[in-house]
Amino acid sequence: MRLSALTVAVSVFALAAACGGNGETASSQANGGTPVESNPPNAANQQPAFEGQTRAPGVQTTVRMTSETVAEGLENPWGLVPLPGGGFLITEKPGRLRLVSAEGEIGEAIAGVPQVVSDRQAGLMDVQLSPDFAGDRLVYLSFSEPRQGGNGTALARGRLSDDGTRLENVQTIFRAMPTYDNFMHYGSRIVFDREGRVYLTLGERSSVETRDQAQDLGSHFGKIVRVNADGSVPADNPFVNQDGALPEIWSWGHRNVQGAALHPETGELWAVEHGARGGDEINIARAGENYGWPIAAYGIEYRGGAIGEGATTAPGTVQPIYYWDPSIATGGAAFYRGEMFPDWNGNLLVTALAGQHLARLVLDGDRVAGEERLLTGLGERIRDVAVGDDGAVYVVTDEQNGRLVRLRRAD
């Protein structure tokens, strides 16, 4: 179902108010400006490790923008990927995969999707296309898999039928271990690198009993793993043949990475990690590196008080290149490449759930030089983001009546 013209017009007006219309160029404002975050940090005694690690200067897009609802009636959409030639594949957390046309028509649930556990944060999560989709039509899905004694994050692939109604020859090619019985922190973002290998992000399952496994190379909890397209282990993974280490592990010490994207110039994986009360992080996930959770973290526990010993640094761990305190509750991420907003090229777009906005981050190498908050007028949790072939930006909102929304340059 699509929204009425009146509802679309209201969202356009709200976006214009939020973005403030015309302004200076992002590049000229990136060197100054008041940070967009005005609330006090939860961990007021913590200090960033270097200048610009948090609260980057505010920037403002120069051109007029408008948002419009492409489709509505999606139930808690989680993953979004554009299809070649138009349209989208969108996951719904209860366990459905939908094909949505460029005009916003929502198709029937695609058959053949693996069975999922759907409760709290568990469900059908990310969707990604094979780099050779035009030839092999392979679709990759991450999901919370039901198992004896609990559940766990899994990665499956199957061929999308020529008519787009079903997945064929579905195979589960990776299972995160150990199995655990709760419904939290699955991570679950899928990214292909330039060589066709697959990164899958994995949460540490949230519990006090499991979070320390983020520091245990014998567990997949709190890791980013890298596998070949068929689920086998690349020979150059950093912990191959290391006693006590799982060979799929790429990086470790993560809390709950729900956003990840490949840098368009360097080819490196940028990971966006959902923190507690403060401590949302952006990391460049490099082979074998330890990103600190839970022995080094920004922010505080949800219940209040320090995370562990309250340290923000620890020997052998890597600092995030950027963090938010208070948390915006990060979701998906994408690098912008397109002609519609040429000043945005190379910017990182990050969705915010509790923050209910889309963050645009201006980068200077591997540092964040400016931040803008877009789509604040939607008033909804924004789960994932993708850039279309036309250069427009598309997001899905994590609501019972979830929407696919397009952000484009105003005519």
Protein backbone atom coordinates (compact mmCIF):
# COMPACT_ATOMS: atom_id res chain seq x y z
CA MET A 1 0.00 0.00 0.00
CA ARG A 2 1.18 3.54 -0.69
CA LEU A 3 0.63 6.70 1.32
CA SER A 4 -1.74 9.39 0.18
CA ALA A 5 -0.40 12.52 -1.50
CA LEU A 6 -1.34 14.50 1.60
CA THR A 7 0.76 12.27 3.86
CA VAL A 8 3.69 12.53 1.46
CA ALA A 9 3.36 16.30 1.39
CA VAL A 10 3.46 16.41 5.18
CA SER A 11 6.66 14.34 5.23
CA VAL A 12 8.22 16.64 2.63
CA PHE A 13 7.41 19.67 4.77
CA ALA A 14 8.86 18.02 7.88
CA LEU A 15 12.06 17.11 6.06
CA ALA A 16 12.50 20.64 4.76
CA ALA A 17 12.14 21.97 8.28
CA ALA A 18 14.60 19.43 9.62
CA CYS A 19 17.24 20.02 6.94
CA GLY A 20 16.95 23.78 6.96
CA GLY A 21 16.97 24.31 3.19
CA ASN A 22 20.00 25.82 1.52
CA GLY A 23 23.24 26.43 3.38
CA GLU A 24 26.98 26.37 3.02
CA THR A 25 28.65 23.46 1.28
CA ALA A 26 29.45 20.44 3.39
CA SER A 27 33.13 20.80 2.59
CA SER A 28 33.32 24.41 3.75
CA GLN A 29 31.39 23.70 6.95
CA ALA A 30 33.29 20.56 7.82
CA ASN A 31 36.03 22.62 9.46
CA GLY A 32 33.73 24.36 11.92
CA GLY A 33 30.16 24.53 13.16
CA THR A 34 28.32 23.49 16.31
CA PRO A 35 27.94 19.72 16.72
CA VAL A 36 24.46 18.44 15.98
CA GLU A 37 24.39 16.57 19.32
CA SER A 38 23.40 19.00 22.08
CA ASN A 39 22.48 16.58 24.87
CA PRO A 40 25.04 15.84 27.60
CA PRO A 41 26.92 12.53 27.36
CA ASN A 42 25.90 9.68 29.61
CA ALA A 43 29.53 9.18 30.63
CA ALA A 44 30.45 12.77 31.36
CA ASN A 45 33.83 11.82 32.85
CA GLN A 46 35.02 10.04 29.69
CA GLN A 47 37.16 11.88 27.19
CA PRO A 48 37.73 11.01 23.52
CA ALA A 49 41.09 9.52 22.63
CA PHE A 50 41.68 12.11 19.91
CA GLU A 51 40.12 15.27 18.57
CA GLY A 52 37.04 14.66 16.43
CA GLN A 53 36.39 11.14 17.75
CA THR A 54 32.93 12.29 18.83
CA ARG A 55 30.60 15.27 18.27
CA ALA A 56 31.95 16.29 14.89
CA PRO A 57 31.04 19.77 13.62
CA GLY A 58 27.58 20.09 12.16
CA VAL A 59 27.28 20.40 8.37
CA GLN A 60 24.34 21.18 6.13
CA THR A 61 23.41 20.03 2.66
CA THR A 62 23.24 22.89 0.16
CA VAL A 63 20.41 21.70 -2.08
CA ARG A 64 16.72 21.38 -1.33
CA MET A 65 15.62 17.82 -0.61
CA THR A 66 12.33 16.04 -0.35
CA SER A 67 11.24 12.69 1.07
CA GLU A 68 8.38 10.54 -0.13
CA THR A 69 6.94 7.21 0.87
CA VAL A 70 7.42 4.61 -1.84
CA ALA A 71 5.61 1.81 -0.01
CA GLU A 72 4.01 1.17 3.38
CA GLY A 73 2.55 -1.81 5.17
CA LEU A 74 5.83 -3.67 5.75
CA GLU A 75 6.08 -5.41 9.13
CA ASN A 76 9.30 -4.40 10.88
CA PRO A 77 11.52 -4.37 7.78
CA TRP A 78 15.18 -5.05 8.59
CA GLY A 79 17.24 -5.42 5.40
CA LEU A 80 17.02 -3.55 2.10
CA VAL A 81 18.83 -4.12 -1.19
CA PRO A 82 18.10 -2.55 -4.61
CA LEU A 83 17.65 -4.90 -7.54
CA PRO A 84 19.30 -4.38 -10.92
CA GLY A 85 16.84 -2.66 -13.21
CA GLY A 86 14.67 -1.34 -10.37
CA GLY A 87 12.78 -2.56 -7.35
CA PHE A 88 14.02 -3.89 -4.03
CA LEU A 89 14.27 -6.99 -1.89
CA ILE A 90 13.23 -6.22 1.69
CA THR A 91 13.20 -8.54 4.70
CA GLU A 92 10.52 -8.41 7.37
CA LYS A 93 11.73 -9.52 10.79
CA PRO A 94 8.90 -12.06 11.38
CA GLY A 95 10.41 -14.14 8.56
CA ARG A 96 9.22 -12.82 5.21
CA LEU A 97 11.18 -11.67 2.17
CA ARG A 98 9.35 -9.26 -0.14
CA LEU A 99 9.95 -7.99 -3.63
CA VAL A 100 8.88 -4.34 -3.82
CA SER A 101 8.61 -2.75 -7.24
CA ALA A 102 10.10 0.64 -8.08
CA GLU A 103 6.52 1.96 -8.03
CA GLY A 104 5.98 0.69 -4.49
CA GLU A 105 3.90 -2.42 -5.10
CA ILE A 106 4.62 -5.01 -2.39
CA GLY A 107 4.67 -8.58 -3.63
CA GLU A 108 3.55 -11.69 -1.80
CA ALA A 109 6.05 -13.26 0.59
CA ILE A 110 8.76 -15.07 -1.39
CA ALA A 111 8.65 -18.81 -0.79
CA GLY A 112 11.65 -20.84 0.37
CA VAL A 113 12.95 -18.54 3.11
CA PRO A 114 14.50 -20.53 5.99
CA GLN A 115 12.54 -20.91 9.20
CA VAL A 116 13.43 -18.22 11.74
CA VAL A 117 12.99 -17.52 15.43
CA SER A 118 11.08 -14.25 15.69
CA ASP A 119 11.05 -12.64 19.13
CA ARG A 120 12.47 -9.31 20.34
CA GLN A 121 15.62 -8.78 18.20
CA ALA A 122 15.45 -12.23 16.60
CA GLY A 123 14.08 -12.84 13.12
CA LEU A 124 14.90 -12.56 9.44
CA MET A 125 17.49 -9.84 9.19
CA ASP A 126 19.78 -8.84 6.34
CA VAL A 127 19.52 -9.53 2.62
CA GLN A 128 22.29 -9.14 0.04
CA LEU A 129 22.75 -10.02 -3.61
CA SER A 130 25.61 -12.07 -5.00
CA PRO A 131 28.12 -9.86 -6.84
CA ASP A 132 27.24 -12.02 -9.88
CA PHE A 133 23.49 -11.74 -9.33
CA ALA A 134 22.81 -10.91 -12.97
CA GLY A 135 24.13 -14.36 -13.85
CA ASP A 136 23.54 -16.58 -10.80
CA ARG A 137 20.52 -14.81 -9.15
CA LEU A 138 21.85 -15.83 -5.72
CA VAL A 139 20.39 -14.07 -2.67
CA TYR A 140 22.04 -14.20 0.77
CA LEU A 141 20.01 -13.98 3.98
CA SER A 142 21.02 -13.73 7.64
CA PHE A 143 18.59 -14.87 10.30
CA SER A 144 18.15 -16.21 13.81
CA GLU A 145 18.04 -19.96 13.32
CA PRO A 146 16.01 -22.20 15.66
CA ARG A 147 18.17 -24.92 17.22
CA GLN A 148 17.96 -27.49 19.94
CA GLY A 149 18.61 -25.62 23.17
CA GLY A 150 18.28 -22.14 21.69
CA ASN A 151 19.13 -20.32 18.49
CA GLY A 152 21.92 -18.53 16.68
CA THR A 153 22.77 -16.31 13.74
CA ALA A 154 22.99 -18.16 10.44
CA LEU A 155 23.75 -17.27 6.83
CA ALA A 156 21.91 -18.91 3.94
CA ARG A 157 21.80 -18.48 0.19
CA GLY A 158 19.38 -19.49 -2.53
CA ARG A 159 18.56 -18.71 -6.13
CA LEU A 160 15.75 -16.23 -6.73
CA SER A 161 13.44 -17.79 -9.29
CA ASP A 162 13.10 -16.07 -12.64
CA ASP A 163 9.61 -14.88 -11.72
CA GLY A 164 10.76 -13.62 -8.31
CA THR A 165 8.30 -15.72 -6.32
CA ARG A 166 10.59 -18.20 -4.53
CA LEU A 167 14.09 -19.09 -3.44
CA GLU A 168 15.46 -22.30 -4.90
CA ASN A 169 18.19 -24.67 -3.67
CA VAL A 170 18.46 -22.86 -0.34
CA GLN A 171 21.55 -23.81 1.70
CA THR A 172 22.66 -22.64 5.13
CA ILE A 173 26.38 -21.97 4.61
CA PHE A 174 27.43 -20.63 8.04
CA ARG A 175 26.19 -21.01 11.61
CA ALA A 176 27.50 -18.89 14.49
CA MET A 177 28.40 -20.95 17.54
CA PRO A 178 27.71 -21.61 20.32
CA THR A 179 23.93 -21.98 20.39
CA TYR A 180 22.35 -19.75 23.04
CA ASP A 181 18.83 -19.34 24.39
CA ASN A 182 17.89 -15.67 24.28
CA PHE A 183 16.64 -13.22 21.66
CA MET A 184 19.21 -10.42 21.63
CA HIS A 185 22.28 -9.11 19.77
CA TYR A 186 22.55 -11.07 16.54
CA GLY A 187 24.53 -8.48 14.58
CA SER A 188 23.71 -9.82 11.12
CA ARG A 189 24.85 -7.40 8.42
CA ILE A 190 26.11 -9.03 5.19
CA VAL A 191 28.79 -7.38 3.01
CA PHE A 192 30.71 -8.71 0.00
CA ASP A 193 34.28 -7.58 -0.59
CA ARG A 194 35.86 -6.98 -3.99
CA GLU A 195 37.02 -10.58 -4.27
CA GLY A 196 33.53 -11.96 -3.62
CA ARG A 197 34.13 -13.04 -0.04
CA VAL A 198 31.38 -12.50 2.52
CA TYR A 199 31.59 -10.60 5.80
CA LEU A 200 28.89 -11.33 8.38
CA THR A 201 28.66 -9.34 11.61
CA LEU A 202 27.78 -11.17 14.84
CA GLY A 203 26.62 -9.81 18.19
CA GLU A 204 27.69 -11.09 21.59
CA ARG A 205 24.10 -12.04 22.52
CA SER A 206 23.81 -9.30 25.17
CA SER A 207 23.78 -11.37 28.35
CA VAL A 208 26.32 -10.79 31.11
CA GLU A 209 27.07 -14.50 30.78
CA THR A 210 27.99 -14.21 27.09
CA ARG A 211 29.45 -10.76 26.54
CA ASP A 212 32.96 -11.79 27.61
CA GLN A 213 32.96 -14.23 24.67
CA ALA A 214 33.58 -11.20 22.46
CA GLN A 215 37.15 -11.55 23.82
CA ASP A 216 37.26 -15.32 23.22
CA LEU A 217 38.53 -16.50 19.83
CA GLY A 218 36.91 -19.87 20.46
CA SER A 219 33.44 -18.32 20.12
CA HIS A 220 31.74 -16.50 17.24
CA PHE A 221 29.99 -14.13 19.66
CA GLY A 222 31.02 -10.49 19.23
CA LYS A 223 32.91 -11.11 16.00
CA ILE A 224 32.92 -10.26 12.34
CA VAL A 225 33.49 -13.38 10.28
CA ARG A 226 34.67 -13.71 6.69
CA VAL A 227 33.84 -16.71 4.51
CA ASN A 228 33.92 -17.54 0.84
CA ALA A 229 30.70 -17.28 -1.17
CA ASP A 230 29.98 -20.96 -0.49
CA GLY A 231 30.69 -20.71 3.25
CA SER A 232 34.18 -22.22 3.16
CA VAL A 233 37.03 -20.48 5.00
CA PRO A 234 39.44 -18.24 3.07
CA ALA A 235 43.01 -19.43 3.50
CA ASP A 236 44.21 -15.92 4.39
CA ASN A 237 41.82 -15.33 7.29
CA PRO A 238 43.86 -14.08 10.27
CA PHE A 239 43.25 -17.00 12.66
CA VAL A 240 43.43 -19.95 10.28
CA ASN A 241 45.49 -22.73 11.90
CA GLN A 242 45.69 -20.91 15.25
CA ASP A 243 44.98 -23.26 18.14
CA GLY A 244 41.83 -22.36 20.03
CA ALA A 245 40.61 -19.88 17.42
CA LEU A 246 37.69 -20.29 15.02
CA PRO A 247 38.99 -19.89 11.46
CA GLU A 248 36.07 -17.83 10.18
CA ILE A 249 36.88 -14.92 12.52
CA TRP A 250 38.02 -11.70 10.85
CA SER A 251 37.87 -9.23 13.77
CA TRP A 252 36.80 -9.44 17.41
CA GLY A 253 35.82 -7.47 20.50
CA HIS A 254 32.52 -6.24 19.05
CA ARG A 255 29.25 -5.67 20.89
CA ASN A 256 26.52 -5.70 18.23
CA VAL A 257 27.49 -4.58 14.73
CA GLN A 258 24.24 -3.93 12.83
CA GLY A 259 25.70 -1.71 10.12
CA ALA A 260 28.57 -2.40 7.75
CA ALA A 261 29.69 -1.20 4.33
CA LEU A 262 32.69 -1.53 2.07
CA HIS A 263 34.59 1.71 1.50
CA PRO A 264 34.29 2.54 -2.21
CA GLU A 265 37.93 3.64 -2.57
CA THR A 266 39.95 1.60 -0.07
CA GLY A 267 37.84 -1.56 -0.16
CA GLU A 268 38.03 -1.82 3.63
CA LEU A 269 35.08 -2.87 5.76
CA TRP A 270 33.58 -0.12 7.92
CA ALA A 271 31.52 -1.47 10.81
CA VAL A 272 28.89 0.45 12.78
CA GLU A 273 28.41 -0.94 16.26
CA HIS A 274 25.32 -0.45 18.40
CA GLY A 275 26.42 0.58 21.90
CA ALA A 276 24.67 0.71 25.26
CA ARG A 277 23.83 4.13 26.76
CA GLY A 278 26.48 5.82 24.68
CA GLY A 279 29.21 3.98 22.88
CA ASP A 280 27.79 3.57 19.38
CA GLU A 281 30.98 3.13 17.35
CA ILE A 282 32.34 3.29 13.84
CA ASN A 283 35.33 1.03 13.28
CA ILE A 284 37.41 0.07 10.28
CA ALA A 285 37.31 -3.69 10.75
CA ARG A 286 40.79 -4.96 9.92
CA ALA A 287 42.12 -8.50 9.94
CA GLY A 288 42.80 -9.85 13.41
CA GLU A 289 42.14 -6.60 15.27
CA ASN A 290 40.43 -6.44 18.68
CA TYR A 291 37.91 -3.60 19.07
CA GLY A 292 37.67 -3.77 22.83
CA TRP A 293 34.20 -4.84 23.94
CA PRO A 294 33.59 -5.25 26.83
CA ILE A 295 36.99 -4.41 28.36
CA ALA A 296 37.17 -1.01 26.66
CA ALA A 297 34.03 0.93 25.75
CA TYR A 298 32.47 4.37 25.77
CA GLY A 299 29.16 5.09 27.52
CA ILE A 300 27.52 3.32 30.45
CA GLU A 301 25.35 0.26 31.07
CA TYR A 302 21.63 0.46 30.26
CA ARG A 303 20.94 0.01 33.96
CA GLY A 304 23.45 2.73 34.81
CA GLY A 305 26.99 2.47 36.05
CA ALA A 306 30.27 1.70 34.37
CA ILE A 307 30.73 -0.94 31.71
CA GLY A 308 33.17 -3.34 33.35
CA GLU A 309 35.92 -1.27 34.94
CA GLY A 310 34.81 1.82 33.04
CA ALA A 311 37.91 1.83 30.82
CA THR A 312 37.80 3.36 27.34
CA THR A 313 41.19 1.93 26.36
CA ALA A 314 42.90 -1.41 26.90
CA PRO A 315 46.20 -2.89 25.70
CA GLY A 316 45.93 -4.62 22.35
CA THR A 317 42.62 -3.01 21.41
CA VAL A 318 41.76 -0.52 18.67
CA GLN A 319 39.97 2.77 19.25
CA PRO A 320 36.81 3.51 17.25
CA ILE A 321 37.28 6.21 14.64
CA TYR A 322 34.03 7.78 15.87
CA TYR A 323 31.50 7.27 18.65
CA TRP A 324 28.20 8.71 19.86
CA ASP A 325 27.33 9.43 23.48
CA PRO A 326 24.40 9.56 24.03
CA SER A 327 23.66 6.65 21.72
CA ILE A 328 21.62 7.24 18.58
CA ALA A 329 21.04 3.45 18.39
CA THR A 330 22.76 2.78 15.09
CA GLY A 331 21.34 0.43 12.46
CA GLY A 332 22.40 0.05 8.83
CA ALA A 333 25.09 1.89 6.89
CA ALA A 334 26.01 2.71 3.30
CA PHE A 335 28.59 4.84 1.53
CA TYR A 336 27.07 7.38 -0.83
CA ARG A 337 28.02 7.14 -4.51
CA GLY A 338 25.76 8.93 -6.96
CA GLU A 339 25.04 11.92 -9.13
CA MET A 340 21.96 13.26 -7.35
CA PHE A 341 23.98 14.64 -4.40
CA PRO A 342 27.52 15.06 -5.78
CA ASP A 343 28.75 16.79 -2.61
CA TRP A 344 27.90 13.63 -0.67
CA ASN A 345 30.16 11.29 -2.64
CA GLY A 346 32.29 9.31 -0.21
CA ASN A 347 30.08 10.25 2.77
CA LEU A 348 28.96 7.52 5.17
CA LEU A 349 25.22 7.25 5.82
CA VAL A 350 24.17 5.64 9.13
CA THR A 351 20.62 4.97 10.28
CA ALA A 352 19.44 5.72 13.81
CA LEU A 353 16.75 3.72 15.58
CA ALA A 354 16.17 5.52 18.88
CA GLY A 355 17.56 8.70 17.28
CA GLN A 356 14.98 8.47 14.47
CA HIS A 357 17.15 10.02 11.79
CA LEU A 358 19.68 9.32 9.06
CA ALA A 359 23.18 10.53 9.91
CA ARG A 360 25.34 11.81 7.07
CA LEU A 361 29.02 11.76 8.00
CA VAL A 362 31.60 13.75 6.03
CA LEU A 363 34.93 11.94 6.05
CA ASP A 364 38.49 13.14 5.86
CA GLY A 365 40.44 9.96 5.26
CA ASP A 366 39.62 7.69 8.19
CA ARG A 367 38.27 10.51 10.37
CA VAL A 368 34.80 12.00 10.66
CA ALA A 369 34.93 15.72 9.82
CA GLY A 370 31.24 16.65 9.88
CA GLU A 371 27.79 15.32 10.73
CA GLU A 372 24.29 16.10 9.52
CA ARG A 373 20.97 14.61 10.65
CA LEU A 374 18.44 13.95 7.91
CA LEU A 375 14.85 12.64 7.83
CA THR A 376 14.22 13.79 11.40
CA GLY A 377 10.66 14.66 10.41
CA LEU A 378 9.72 11.02 9.84
CA GLY A 379 9.48 10.40 13.58
CA GLU A 380 10.19 6.70 13.08
CA ARG A 381 12.98 4.23 13.79
CA ILE A 382 15.16 3.99 10.68
CA ARG A 383 16.60 0.51 10.29
CA ASP A 384 18.49 0.30 6.97
CA VAL A 385 19.71 2.49 4.12
CA ALA A 386 20.70 1.94 0.49
CA VAL A 387 21.62 4.15 -2.46
CA GLY A 388 19.67 3.62 -5.68
CA ASP A 389 21.06 3.67 -9.21
CA ASP A 390 19.48 7.11 -9.63
CA GLY A 391 21.46 8.49 -6.68
CA ALA A 392 18.42 8.77 -4.42
CA VAL A 393 18.73 7.42 -0.88
CA TYR A 394 16.26 4.79 0.33
CA VAL A 395 15.54 3.82 3.94
CA VAL A 396 13.18 1.42 5.69
CA THR A 397 11.54 2.22 9.01
CA ASP A 398 11.42 -0.41 11.75
CA GLU A 399 7.74 -0.17 12.62
CA GLN A 400 4.71 -2.46 12.62
CA ASN A 401 3.56 -0.40 9.63
CA GLY A 402 7.04 0.00 8.22
CA ARG A 403 7.78 2.17 5.22
CA LEU A 404 10.18 2.34 2.32
CA VAL A 405 11.08 6.03 2.01
CA ARG A 406 13.01 7.80 -0.75
CA LEU A 407 15.15 10.88 -0.08
CA ARG A 408 15.86 12.80 -3.28
CA ARG A 409 16.73 16.20 -4.59
CA ALA A 410 13.68 18.45 -4.82
CA ASP A 411 12.55 19.33 -8.35
